[in-house]
Amino acid sequence: MAISFANRFNADLLDQNYERWRKDPASVDPTWSAFFEGFELGSVQPKNGAAASQNGAPAPVTESPLQTRVDGLVYAYRTLGHTIANLDPLAHERPQNQLLSLRELGFD
């Protein structure tokens, strides 16, 4: 038997709270208010100057080359950061890993 939190009772509660929030945002719990603000933000149509859509579909998101390098930097530190951890309090030098150098990751 699968357990589902999305049953009819929850949908009715959600609709009731949403209607209350639309009339007066202060009338619902702050967590509900934050949820509905995010819900509304996600359904806002792009304004002039925003990325154009084709046939009602959202425009594809493209990353800049800088963002791609930053993502690579974050991934490298997540996977290899432990190799440069300073675990020996008596060591004079911090461990080095050339794979984590900025030049290796595409930065000057």
PDB file of N, CA and C in Angstrom:
ATOM      1  N   MET A   1       0.839  -1.178   0.000  1.00  0.00           N
ATOM      2  CA  MET A   1       0.000   0.000   0.000  1.00  0.00           C
ATOM      3  C   MET A   1       0.889   1.248   0.000  1.00  0.00           C
ATOM      4  N   ALA A   2       0.732   2.075  -0.986  1.00  0.00           N
ATOM      5  CA  ALA A   2       1.524   3.294  -1.085  1.00  0.00           C
ATOM      6  C   ALA A   2       0.897   4.384  -0.240  1.00  0.00           C
ATOM      7  N   ILE A   3       1.727   5.110   0.468  1.00  0.00           N
ATOM      8  CA  ILE A   3       1.257   6.215   1.295  1.00  0.00           C
ATOM      9  C   ILE A   3       1.404   7.500   0.489  1.00  0.00           C
ATOM     10  N   SER A   4       0.364   8.283   0.439  1.00  0.00           N
ATOM     11  CA  SER A   4       0.393   9.531  -0.306  1.00  0.00           C
ATOM     12  C   SER A   4      -0.046  10.673   0.601  1.00  0.00           C
ATOM     13  N   PHE A   5       0.754  11.711   0.631  1.00  0.00           N
ATOM     14  CA  PHE A   5       0.380  12.878   1.426  1.00  0.00           C
ATOM     15  C   PHE A   5      -0.567  13.776   0.649  1.00  0.00           C
ATOM     16  N   ALA A   6      -0.688  13.547  -0.652  1.00  0.00           N
ATOM     17  CA  ALA A   6      -1.544  14.388  -1.487  1.00  0.00           C
ATOM     18  C   ALA A   6      -2.914  13.727  -1.629  1.00  0.00           C
ATOM     19  N   ASN A   7      -3.688  13.773  -0.570  1.00  0.00           N
ATOM     20  CA  ASN A   7      -5.049  13.242  -0.672  1.00  0.00           C
ATOM     21  C   ASN A   7      -6.029  14.404  -0.799  1.00  0.00           C
ATOM     22  N   ARG A   8      -7.283  14.102  -0.937  1.00  0.00           N
ATOM     23  CA  ARG A   8      -8.281  15.138  -1.171  1.00  0.00           C
ATOM     24  C   ARG A   8      -8.381  16.118  -0.006  1.00  0.00           C
ATOM     25  N   PHE A   9      -8.247  15.625   1.230  1.00  0.00           N
ATOM     26  CA  PHE A   9      -8.313  16.514   2.388  1.00  0.00           C
ATOM     27  C   PHE A   9      -7.205  17.556   2.320  1.00  0.00           C
ATOM     28  N   ASN A  10      -5.991  17.126   1.993  1.00  0.00           N
ATOM     29  CA  ASN A  10      -4.880  18.063   1.908  1.00  0.00           C
ATOM     30  C   ASN A  10      -5.074  19.065   0.773  1.00  0.00           C
ATOM     31  N   ALA A  11      -5.636  18.620  -0.341  1.00  0.00           N
ATOM     32  CA  ALA A  11      -5.879  19.528  -1.460  1.00  0.00           C
ATOM     33  C   ALA A  11      -6.896  20.599  -1.068  1.00  0.00           C
ATOM     34  N   ASP A  12      -7.939  20.195  -0.338  1.00  0.00           N
ATOM     35  CA  ASP A  12      -8.932  21.178   0.116  1.00  0.00           C
ATOM     36  C   ASP A  12      -8.305  22.177   1.083  1.00  0.00           C
ATOM     37  N   LEU A  13      -7.489  21.687   2.002  1.00  0.00           N
ATOM     38  CA  LEU A  13      -6.810  22.560   2.962  1.00  0.00           C
ATOM     39  C   LEU A  13      -5.890  23.535   2.234  1.00  0.00           C
ATOM     40  N   LEU A  14      -5.175  23.025   1.247  1.00  0.00           N
ATOM     41  CA  LEU A  14      -4.279  23.868   0.467  1.00  0.00           C
ATOM     42  C   LEU A  14      -5.057  24.956  -0.263  1.00  0.00           C
ATOM     43  N   ASP A  15      -6.163  24.583  -0.891  1.00  0.00           N
ATOM     44  CA  ASP A  15      -6.986  25.570  -1.600  1.00  0.00           C
ATOM     45  C   ASP A  15      -7.555  26.616  -0.651  1.00  0.00           C
ATOM     46  N   GLN A  16      -8.027  26.178   0.522  1.00  0.00           N
ATOM     47  CA  GLN A  16      -8.581  27.121   1.501  1.00  0.00           C
ATOM     48  C   GLN A  16      -7.525  28.114   1.975  1.00  0.00           C
ATOM     49  N   ASN A  17      -6.346  27.597   2.306  1.00  0.00           N
ATOM     50  CA  ASN A  17      -5.273  28.494   2.760  1.00  0.00           C
ATOM     51  C   ASN A  17      -4.811  29.430   1.655  1.00  0.00           C
ATOM     52  N   TYR A  18      -4.791  28.936   0.418  1.00  0.00           N
ATOM     53  CA  TYR A  18      -4.371  29.782  -0.696  1.00  0.00           C
ATOM     54  C   TYR A  18      -5.354  30.931  -0.909  1.00  0.00           C
ATOM     55  N   GLU A  19      -6.629  30.632  -0.848  1.00  0.00           N
ATOM     56  CA  GLU A  19      -7.631  31.690  -0.997  1.00  0.00           C
ATOM     57  C   GLU A  19      -7.543  32.699   0.141  1.00  0.00           C
ATOM     58  N   ARG A  20      -7.361  32.203   1.369  1.00  0.00           N
ATOM     59  CA  ARG A  20      -7.192  33.126   2.507  1.00  0.00           C
ATOM     60  C   ARG A  20      -5.964  33.993   2.301  1.00  0.00           C
ATOM     61  N   TRP A  21      -4.871  33.408   1.825  1.00  0.00           N
ATOM     62  CA  TRP A  21      -3.625  34.150   1.628  1.00  0.00           C
ATOM     63  C   TRP A  21      -3.787  35.203   0.535  1.00  0.00           C
ATOM     64  N   ARG A  22      -4.504  34.857  -0.540  1.00  0.00           N
ATOM     65  CA  ARG A  22      -4.700  35.823  -1.621  1.00  0.00           C
ATOM     66  C   ARG A  22      -5.481  37.042  -1.152  1.00  0.00           C
ATOM     67  N   LYS A  23      -6.427  36.856  -0.223  1.00  0.00           N
ATOM     68  CA  LYS A  23      -7.199  37.973   0.305  1.00  0.00           C
ATOM     69  C   LYS A  23      -6.412  38.776   1.320  1.00  0.00           C
ATOM     70  N   ASP A  24      -5.682  38.065   2.195  1.00  0.00           N
ATOM     71  CA  ASP A  24      -4.900  38.732   3.237  1.00  0.00           C
ATOM     72  C   ASP A  24      -3.721  37.843   3.621  1.00  0.00           C
ATOM     73  N   PRO A  25      -2.504  38.157   3.138  1.00  0.00           N
ATOM     74  CA  PRO A  25      -1.345  37.308   3.414  1.00  0.00           C
ATOM     75  C   PRO A  25      -1.058  37.128   4.911  1.00  0.00           C
ATOM     76  N   ALA A  26      -1.469  38.078   5.737  1.00  0.00           N
ATOM     77  CA  ALA A  26      -1.214  37.967   7.177  1.00  0.00           C
ATOM     78  C   ALA A  26      -2.186  37.011   7.868  1.00  0.00           C
ATOM     79  N   SER A  27      -3.211  36.548   7.154  1.00  0.00           N
ATOM     80  CA  SER A  27      -4.222  35.698   7.778  1.00  0.00           C
ATOM     81  C   SER A  27      -3.802  34.235   7.881  1.00  0.00           C
ATOM     82  N   VAL A  28      -2.683  33.866   7.234  1.00  0.00           N
ATOM     83  CA  VAL A  28      -2.213  32.489   7.302  1.00  0.00           C
ATOM     84  C   VAL A  28      -0.881  32.439   8.039  1.00  0.00           C
ATOM     85  N   ASP A  29      -0.492  31.244   8.440  1.00  0.00           N
ATOM     86  CA  ASP A  29       0.779  31.020   9.120  1.00  0.00           C
ATOM     87  C   ASP A  29       1.929  31.505   8.227  1.00  0.00           C
ATOM     88  N   PRO A  30       3.009  32.045   8.806  1.00  0.00           N
ATOM     89  CA  PRO A  30       4.126  32.540   7.983  1.00  0.00           C
ATOM     90  C   PRO A  30       4.728  31.483   7.058  1.00  0.00           C
ATOM     91  N   THR A  31       4.693  30.203   7.459  1.00  0.00           N
ATOM     92  CA  THR A  31       5.231  29.173   6.568  1.00  0.00           C
ATOM     93  C   THR A  31       4.341  28.985   5.343  1.00  0.00           C
ATOM     94  N   TRP A  32       3.015  29.070   5.541  1.00  0.00           N
ATOM     95  CA  TRP A  32       2.110  29.021   4.399  1.00  0.00           C
ATOM     96  C   TRP A  32       2.330  30.232   3.511  1.00  0.00           C
ATOM     97  N   SER A  33       2.511  31.388   4.129  1.00  0.00           N
ATOM     98  CA  SER A  33       2.711  32.614   3.362  1.00  0.00           C
ATOM     99  C   SER A  33       3.955  32.503   2.489  1.00  0.00           C
ATOM    100  N   ALA A  34       5.043  31.984   3.059  1.00  0.00           N
ATOM    101  CA  ALA A  34       6.280  31.812   2.282  1.00  0.00           C
ATOM    102  C   ALA A  34       6.068  30.823   1.138  1.00  0.00           C
ATOM    103  N   PHE A  35       5.328  29.748   1.406  1.00  0.00           N
ATOM    104  CA  PHE A  35       5.043  28.759   0.365  1.00  0.00           C
ATOM    105  C   PHE A  35       4.273  29.392  -0.786  1.00  0.00           C
ATOM    106  N   PHE A  36       3.235  30.146  -0.467  1.00  0.00           N
ATOM    107  CA  PHE A  36       2.411  30.737  -1.521  1.00  0.00           C
ATOM    108  C   PHE A  36       3.153  31.835  -2.266  1.00  0.00           C
ATOM    109  N   GLU A  37       4.031  32.575  -1.592  1.00  0.00           N
ATOM    110  CA  GLU A  37       4.846  33.572  -2.287  1.00  0.00           C
ATOM    111  C   GLU A  37       5.723  32.893  -3.328  1.00  0.00           C
ATOM    112  N   GLY A  38       6.340  31.776  -2.949  1.00  0.00           N
ATOM    113  CA  GLY A  38       7.158  31.031  -3.901  1.00  0.00           C
ATOM    114  C   GLY A  38       6.323  30.453  -5.025  1.00  0.00           C
ATOM    115  N   PHE A  39       5.120  29.993  -4.695  1.00  0.00           N
ATOM    116  CA  PHE A  39       4.206  29.454  -5.700  1.00  0.00           C
ATOM    117  C   PHE A  39       3.842  30.525  -6.713  1.00  0.00           C
ATOM    118  N   GLU A  40       3.514  31.712  -6.230  1.00  0.00           N
ATOM    119  CA  GLU A  40       3.164  32.822  -7.119  1.00  0.00           C
ATOM    120  C   GLU A  40       4.377  33.248  -7.942  1.00  0.00           C
ATOM    121  N   LEU A  41       5.541  33.287  -7.324  1.00  0.00           N
ATOM    122  CA  LEU A  41       6.749  33.696  -8.030  1.00  0.00           C
ATOM    123  C   LEU A  41       7.050  32.740  -9.180  1.00  0.00           C
ATOM    124  N   GLY A  42       6.806  31.459  -8.966  1.00  0.00           N
ATOM    125  CA  GLY A  42       7.065  30.470 -10.006  1.00  0.00           C
ATOM    126  C   GLY A  42       6.089  30.542 -11.166  1.00  0.00           C
ATOM    127  N   SER A  43       4.944  31.169 -10.958  1.00  0.00           N
ATOM    128  CA  SER A  43       3.963  31.230 -12.037  1.00  0.00           C
ATOM    129  C   SER A  43       3.905  32.592 -12.719  1.00  0.00           C
ATOM    130  N   VAL A  44       4.817  33.494 -12.390  1.00  0.00           N
ATOM    131  CA  VAL A  44       4.849  34.832 -12.992  1.00  0.00           C
ATOM    132  C   VAL A  44       5.360  34.731 -14.418  1.00  0.00           C
ATOM    133  N   GLN A  45       4.683  35.401 -15.333  1.00  0.00           N
ATOM    134  CA  GLN A  45       5.105  35.430 -16.733  1.00  0.00           C
ATOM    135  C   GLN A  45       6.262  36.412 -16.884  1.00  0.00           C
ATOM    136  N   PRO A  46       7.237  36.113 -17.779  1.00  0.00           N
ATOM    137  CA  PRO A  46       8.355  37.040 -17.976  1.00  0.00           C
ATOM    138  C   PRO A  46       7.877  38.379 -18.523  1.00  0.00           C
ATOM    139  N   LYS A  47       8.540  39.433 -18.064  1.00  0.00           N
ATOM    140  CA  LYS A  47       8.199  40.776 -18.520  1.00  0.00           C
ATOM    141  C   LYS A  47       9.035  41.127 -19.743  1.00  0.00           C
ATOM    142  N   ASN A  48       8.808  42.307 -20.304  1.00  0.00           N
ATOM    143  CA  ASN A  48       9.589  42.761 -21.453  1.00  0.00           C
ATOM    144  C   ASN A  48      11.059  42.742 -21.096  1.00  0.00           C
ATOM    145  N   GLY A  49      11.876  42.293 -22.037  1.00  0.00           N
ATOM    146  CA  GLY A  49      13.305  42.214 -21.804  1.00  0.00           C
ATOM    147  C   GLY A  49      13.725  40.861 -21.274  1.00  0.00           C
ATOM    148  N   ALA A  50      12.789  40.049 -20.857  1.00  0.00           N
ATOM    149  CA  ALA A  50      13.118  38.711 -20.377  1.00  0.00           C
ATOM    150  C   ALA A  50      13.306  37.798 -21.579  1.00  0.00           C
ATOM    151  N   ALA A  51      13.828  36.622 -21.323  1.00  0.00           N
ATOM    152  CA  ALA A  51      14.055  35.663 -22.402  1.00  0.00           C
ATOM    153  C   ALA A  51      12.736  35.333 -23.089  1.00  0.00           C
ATOM    154  N   ALA A  52      12.732  35.367 -24.391  1.00  0.00           N
ATOM    155  CA  ALA A  52      11.513  35.094 -25.146  1.00  0.00           C
ATOM    156  C   ALA A  52      11.243  33.601 -25.183  1.00  0.00           C
ATOM    157  N   SER A  53       9.974  33.259 -25.243  1.00  0.00           N
ATOM    158  CA  SER A  53       9.610  31.849 -25.338  1.00  0.00           C
ATOM    159  C   SER A  53       9.066  31.564 -26.720  1.00  0.00           C
ATOM    160  N   GLN A  54       9.102  30.280 -27.093  1.00  0.00           N
ATOM    161  CA  GLN A  54       8.585  29.881 -28.390  1.00  0.00           C
ATOM    162  C   GLN A  54       7.424  28.934 -28.156  1.00  0.00           C
ATOM    163  N   ASN A  55       6.293  29.234 -28.756  1.00  0.00           N
ATOM    164  CA  ASN A  55       5.101  28.386 -28.651  1.00  0.00           C
ATOM    165  C   ASN A  55       4.675  28.177 -27.209  1.00  0.00           C
ATOM    166  N   GLY A  56       4.868  29.154 -26.346  1.00  0.00           N
ATOM    167  CA  GLY A  56       4.447  29.053 -24.960  1.00  0.00           C
ATOM    168  C   GLY A  56       5.415  28.298 -24.078  1.00  0.00           C
ATOM    169  N   ALA A  57       6.431  27.664 -24.648  1.00  0.00           N
ATOM    170  CA  ALA A  57       7.412  26.924 -23.851  1.00  0.00           C
ATOM    171  C   ALA A  57       8.477  27.891 -23.359  1.00  0.00           C
ATOM    172  N   PRO A  58       9.013  27.666 -22.165  1.00  0.00           N
ATOM    173  CA  PRO A  58      10.057  28.564 -21.670  1.00  0.00           C
ATOM    174  C   PRO A  58      11.300  28.495 -22.542  1.00  0.00           C
ATOM    175  N   ALA A  59      11.981  29.618 -22.633  1.00  0.00           N
ATOM    176  CA  ALA A  59      13.207  29.670 -23.413  1.00  0.00           C
ATOM    177  C   ALA A  59      14.276  28.809 -22.735  1.00  0.00           C
ATOM    178  N   PRO A  60      15.138  28.153 -23.510  1.00  0.00           N
ATOM    179  CA  PRO A  60      16.175  27.321 -22.895  1.00  0.00           C
ATOM    180  C   PRO A  60      17.149  28.167 -22.102  1.00  0.00           C
ATOM    181  N   VAL A  61      17.576  27.626 -20.987  1.00  0.00           N
ATOM    182  CA  VAL A  61      18.515  28.326 -20.127  1.00  0.00           C
ATOM    183  C   VAL A  61      19.926  27.979 -20.574  1.00  0.00           C
ATOM    184  N   THR A  62      20.719  28.994 -20.829  1.00  0.00           N
ATOM    185  CA  THR A  62      22.100  28.751 -21.229  1.00  0.00           C
ATOM    186  C   THR A  62      23.010  29.332 -20.170  1.00  0.00           C
ATOM    187  N   GLU A  63      24.061  28.593 -19.868  1.00  0.00           N
ATOM    188  CA  GLU A  63      25.019  29.058 -18.876  1.00  0.00           C
ATOM    189  C   GLU A  63      26.155  29.778 -19.576  1.00  0.00           C
ATOM    190  N   SER A  64      26.704  30.758 -18.894  1.00  0.00           N
ATOM    191  CA  SER A  64      27.859  31.447 -19.430  1.00  0.00           C
ATOM    192  C   SER A  64      29.091  30.575 -19.190  1.00  0.00           C
ATOM    193  N   PRO A  65      30.148  30.794 -19.957  1.00  0.00           N
ATOM    194  CA  PRO A  65      31.371  30.019 -19.726  1.00  0.00           C
ATOM    195  C   PRO A  65      31.910  30.207 -18.303  1.00  0.00           C
ATOM    196  N   LEU A  66      31.757  31.400 -17.748  1.00  0.00           N
ATOM    197  CA  LEU A  66      32.216  31.635 -16.379  1.00  0.00           C
ATOM    198  C   LEU A  66      31.429  30.790 -15.390  1.00  0.00           C
ATOM    199  N   GLN A  67      30.116  30.716 -15.572  1.00  0.00           N
ATOM    200  CA  GLN A  67      29.284  29.917 -14.666  1.00  0.00           C
ATOM    201  C   GLN A  67      29.669  28.445 -14.756  1.00  0.00           C
ATOM    202  N   THR A  68      29.979  27.973 -15.946  1.00  0.00           N
ATOM    203  CA  THR A  68      30.390  26.589 -16.120  1.00  0.00           C
ATOM    204  C   THR A  68      31.686  26.319 -15.365  1.00  0.00           C
ATOM    205  N   ARG A  69      32.628  27.259 -15.423  1.00  0.00           N
ATOM    206  CA  ARG A  69      33.890  27.081 -14.689  1.00  0.00           C
ATOM    207  C   ARG A  69      33.671  27.131 -13.185  1.00  0.00           C
ATOM    208  N   VAL A  70      32.791  28.016 -12.724  1.00  0.00           N
ATOM    209  CA  VAL A  70      32.486  28.096 -11.296  1.00  0.00           C
ATOM    210  C   VAL A  70      31.843  26.794 -10.828  1.00  0.00           C
ATOM    211  N   ASP A  71      30.932  26.248 -11.624  1.00  0.00           N
ATOM    212  CA  ASP A  71      30.324  24.962 -11.277  1.00  0.00           C
ATOM    213  C   ASP A  71      31.381  23.872 -11.184  1.00  0.00           C
ATOM    214  N   GLY A  72      32.336  23.881 -12.110  1.00  0.00           N
ATOM    215  CA  GLY A  72      33.426  22.911 -12.071  1.00  0.00           C
ATOM    216  C   GLY A  72      34.293  23.078 -10.825  1.00  0.00           C
ATOM    217  N   LEU A  73      34.540  24.330 -10.435  1.00  0.00           N
ATOM    218  CA  LEU A  73      35.311  24.609  -9.226  1.00  0.00           C
ATOM    219  C   LEU A  73      34.608  24.050  -8.001  1.00  0.00           C
ATOM    220  N   VAL A  74      33.321  24.300  -7.890  1.00  0.00           N
ATOM    221  CA  VAL A  74      32.543  23.799  -6.756  1.00  0.00           C
ATOM    222  C   VAL A  74      32.566  22.277  -6.730  1.00  0.00           C
ATOM    223  N   TYR A  75      32.380  21.653  -7.883  1.00  0.00           N
ATOM    224  CA  TYR A  75      32.385  20.194  -7.947  1.00  0.00           C
ATOM    225  C   TYR A  75      33.747  19.632  -7.551  1.00  0.00           C
ATOM    226  N   ALA A  76      34.817  20.267  -8.028  1.00  0.00           N
ATOM    227  CA  ALA A  76      36.170  19.794  -7.702  1.00  0.00           C
ATOM    228  C   ALA A  76      36.418  19.868  -6.200  1.00  0.00           C
ATOM    229  N   TYR A  77      36.022  20.964  -5.571  1.00  0.00           N
ATOM    230  CA  TYR A  77      36.230  21.088  -4.123  1.00  0.00           C
ATOM    231  C   TYR A  77      35.343  20.126  -3.351  1.00  0.00           C
ATOM    232  N   ARG A  78      34.164  19.832  -3.865  1.00  0.00           N
ATOM    233  CA  ARG A  78      33.305  18.852  -3.189  1.00  0.00           C
ATOM    234  C   ARG A  78      33.907  17.459  -3.239  1.00  0.00           C
ATOM    235  N   THR A  79      34.506  17.118  -4.372  1.00  0.00           N
ATOM    236  CA  THR A  79      35.018  15.760  -4.528  1.00  0.00           C
ATOM    237  C   THR A  79      36.460  15.594  -4.075  1.00  0.00           C
ATOM    238  N   LEU A  80      37.276  16.636  -4.184  1.00  0.00           N
ATOM    239  CA  LEU A  80      38.697  16.512  -3.862  1.00  0.00           C
ATOM    240  C   LEU A  80      39.150  17.388  -2.703  1.00  0.00           C
ATOM    241  N   GLY A  81      38.256  18.157  -2.135  1.00  0.00           N
ATOM    242  CA  GLY A  81      38.644  19.085  -1.072  1.00  0.00           C
ATOM    243  C   GLY A  81      39.280  18.409   0.129  1.00  0.00           C
ATOM    244  N   HIS A  82      38.892  17.180   0.405  1.00  0.00           N
ATOM    245  CA  HIS A  82      39.465  16.467   1.552  1.00  0.00           C
ATOM    246  C   HIS A  82      40.953  16.203   1.383  1.00  0.00           C
ATOM    247  N   THR A  83      41.447  16.236   0.135  1.00  0.00           N
ATOM    248  CA  THR A  83      42.866  15.945  -0.091  1.00  0.00           C
ATOM    249  C   THR A  83      43.767  17.105   0.328  1.00  0.00           C
ATOM    250  N   ILE A  84      43.207  18.280   0.528  1.00  0.00           N
ATOM    251  CA  ILE A  84      44.024  19.424   0.957  1.00  0.00           C
ATOM    252  C   ILE A  84      43.669  19.877   2.371  1.00  0.00           C
ATOM    253  N   ALA A  85      42.948  19.013   3.084  1.00  0.00           N
ATOM    254  CA  ALA A  85      42.573  19.352   4.456  1.00  0.00           C
ATOM    255  C   ALA A  85      43.820  19.362   5.335  1.00  0.00           C
ATOM    256  N   ASN A  86      43.917  20.343   6.195  1.00  0.00           N
ATOM    257  CA  ASN A  86      45.065  20.480   7.101  1.00  0.00           C
ATOM    258  C   ASN A  86      44.753  19.695   8.378  1.00  0.00           C
ATOM    259  N   LEU A  87      45.106  18.395   8.366  1.00  0.00           N
ATOM    260  CA  LEU A  87      44.785  17.522   9.487  1.00  0.00           C
ATOM    261  C   LEU A  87      45.904  17.404  10.515  1.00  0.00           C
ATOM    262  N   ASP A  88      47.125  17.727  10.119  1.00  0.00           N
ATOM    263  CA  ASP A  88      48.271  17.613  11.020  1.00  0.00           C
ATOM    264  C   ASP A  88      48.592  18.985  11.605  1.00  0.00           C
ATOM    265  N   PRO A  89      48.304  19.205  12.894  1.00  0.00           N
ATOM    266  CA  PRO A  89      48.550  20.530  13.475  1.00  0.00           C
ATOM    267  C   PRO A  89      50.026  20.882  13.578  1.00  0.00           C
ATOM    268  N   LEU A  90      50.906  19.893  13.450  1.00  0.00           N
ATOM    269  CA  LEU A  90      52.342  20.156  13.536  1.00  0.00           C
ATOM    270  C   LEU A  90      52.997  20.344  12.175  1.00  0.00           C
ATOM    271  N   ALA A  91      52.260  20.153  11.108  1.00  0.00           N
ATOM    272  CA  ALA A  91      52.813  20.296   9.761  1.00  0.00           C
ATOM    273  C   ALA A  91      53.118  21.767   9.488  1.00  0.00           C
ATOM    274  N   HIS A  92      54.211  21.980   8.777  1.00  0.00           N
ATOM    275  CA  HIS A  92      54.606  23.351   8.437  1.00  0.00           C
ATOM    276  C   HIS A  92      53.928  23.834   7.169  1.00  0.00           C
ATOM    277  N   GLU A  93      53.559  22.905   6.288  1.00  0.00           N
ATOM    278  CA  GLU A  93      52.930  23.284   5.023  1.00  0.00           C
ATOM    279  C   GLU A  93      51.574  22.605   4.882  1.00  0.00           C
ATOM    280  N   ARG A  94      50.693  23.294   4.253  1.00  0.00           N
ATOM    281  CA  ARG A  94      49.368  22.731   3.967  1.00  0.00           C
ATOM    282  C   ARG A  94      49.496  21.775   2.778  1.00  0.00           C
ATOM    283  N   PRO A  95      48.788  20.646   2.791  1.00  0.00           N
ATOM    284  CA  PRO A  95      48.849  19.731   1.644  1.00  0.00           C
ATOM    285  C   PRO A  95      48.378  20.422   0.369  1.00  0.00           C
ATOM    286  N   GLN A  96      48.954  20.042  -0.753  1.00  0.00           N
ATOM    287  CA  GLN A  96      48.617  20.631  -2.049  1.00  0.00           C
ATOM    288  C   GLN A  96      48.021  19.568  -2.958  1.00  0.00           C
ATOM    289  N   ASN A  97      47.145  19.966  -3.848  1.00  0.00           N
ATOM    290  CA  ASN A  97      46.608  19.101  -4.885  1.00  0.00           C
ATOM    291  C   ASN A  97      46.506  19.943  -6.137  1.00  0.00           C
ATOM    292  N   GLN A  98      47.282  19.607  -7.140  1.00  0.00           N
ATOM    293  CA  GLN A  98      47.328  20.396  -8.375  1.00  0.00           C
ATOM    294  C   GLN A  98      45.983  20.416  -9.103  1.00  0.00           C
ATOM    295  N   LEU A  99      45.166  19.397  -8.879  1.00  0.00           N
ATOM    296  CA  LEU A  99      43.856  19.374  -9.536  1.00  0.00           C
ATOM    297  C   LEU A  99      42.925  20.452  -8.991  1.00  0.00           C
ATOM    298  N   LEU A 100      43.267  21.016  -7.838  1.00  0.00           N
ATOM    299  CA  LEU A 100      42.441  22.071  -7.246  1.00  0.00           C
ATOM    300  C   LEU A 100      43.040  23.467  -7.437  1.00  0.00           C
ATOM    301  N   SER A 101      44.068  23.584  -8.259  1.00  0.00           N
ATOM    302  CA  SER A 101      44.634  24.903  -8.504  1.00  0.00           C
ATOM    303  C   SER A 101      43.673  25.692  -9.405  1.00  0.00           C
ATOM    304  N   LEU A 102      43.625  26.985  -9.204  1.00  0.00           N
ATOM    305  CA  LEU A 102      42.714  27.823  -9.998  1.00  0.00           C
ATOM    306  C   LEU A 102      43.042  27.760 -11.484  1.00  0.00           C
ATOM    307  N   ARG A 103      44.336  27.696 -11.811  1.00  0.00           N
ATOM    308  CA  ARG A 103      44.719  27.625 -13.219  1.00  0.00           C
ATOM    309  C   ARG A 103      44.232  26.312 -13.842  1.00  0.00           C
ATOM    310  N   GLU A 104      44.305  25.230 -13.111  1.00  0.00           N
ATOM    311  CA  GLU A 104      43.821  23.934 -13.604  1.00  0.00           C
ATOM    312  C   GLU A 104      42.311  23.954 -13.851  1.00  0.00           C
ATOM    313  N   LEU A 105      41.608  24.743 -13.056  1.00  0.00           N
ATOM    314  CA  LEU A 105      40.142  24.818 -13.160  1.00  0.00           C
ATOM    315  C   LEU A 105      39.659  25.908 -14.112  1.00  0.00           C
ATOM    316  N   GLY A 106      40.609  26.560 -14.825  1.00  0.00           N
ATOM    317  CA  GLY A 106      40.228  27.508 -15.864  1.00  0.00           C
ATOM    318  C   GLY A 106      40.155  28.962 -15.435  1.00  0.00           C
ATOM    319  N   PHE A 107      40.753  29.287 -14.280  1.00  0.00           N
ATOM    320  CA  PHE A 107      40.765  30.674 -13.812  1.00  0.00           C
ATOM    321  C   PHE A 107      42.175  31.231 -13.880  1.00  0.00           C
ATOM    322  N   ASP A 108      42.277  32.550 -14.048  1.00  0.00           N
ATOM    323  CA  ASP A 108      43.599  33.206 -14.064  1.00  0.00           C
ATOM    324  C   ASP A 108      43.995  33.631 -12.675  1.00  0.00           C
TER     325      ASP A 108
END
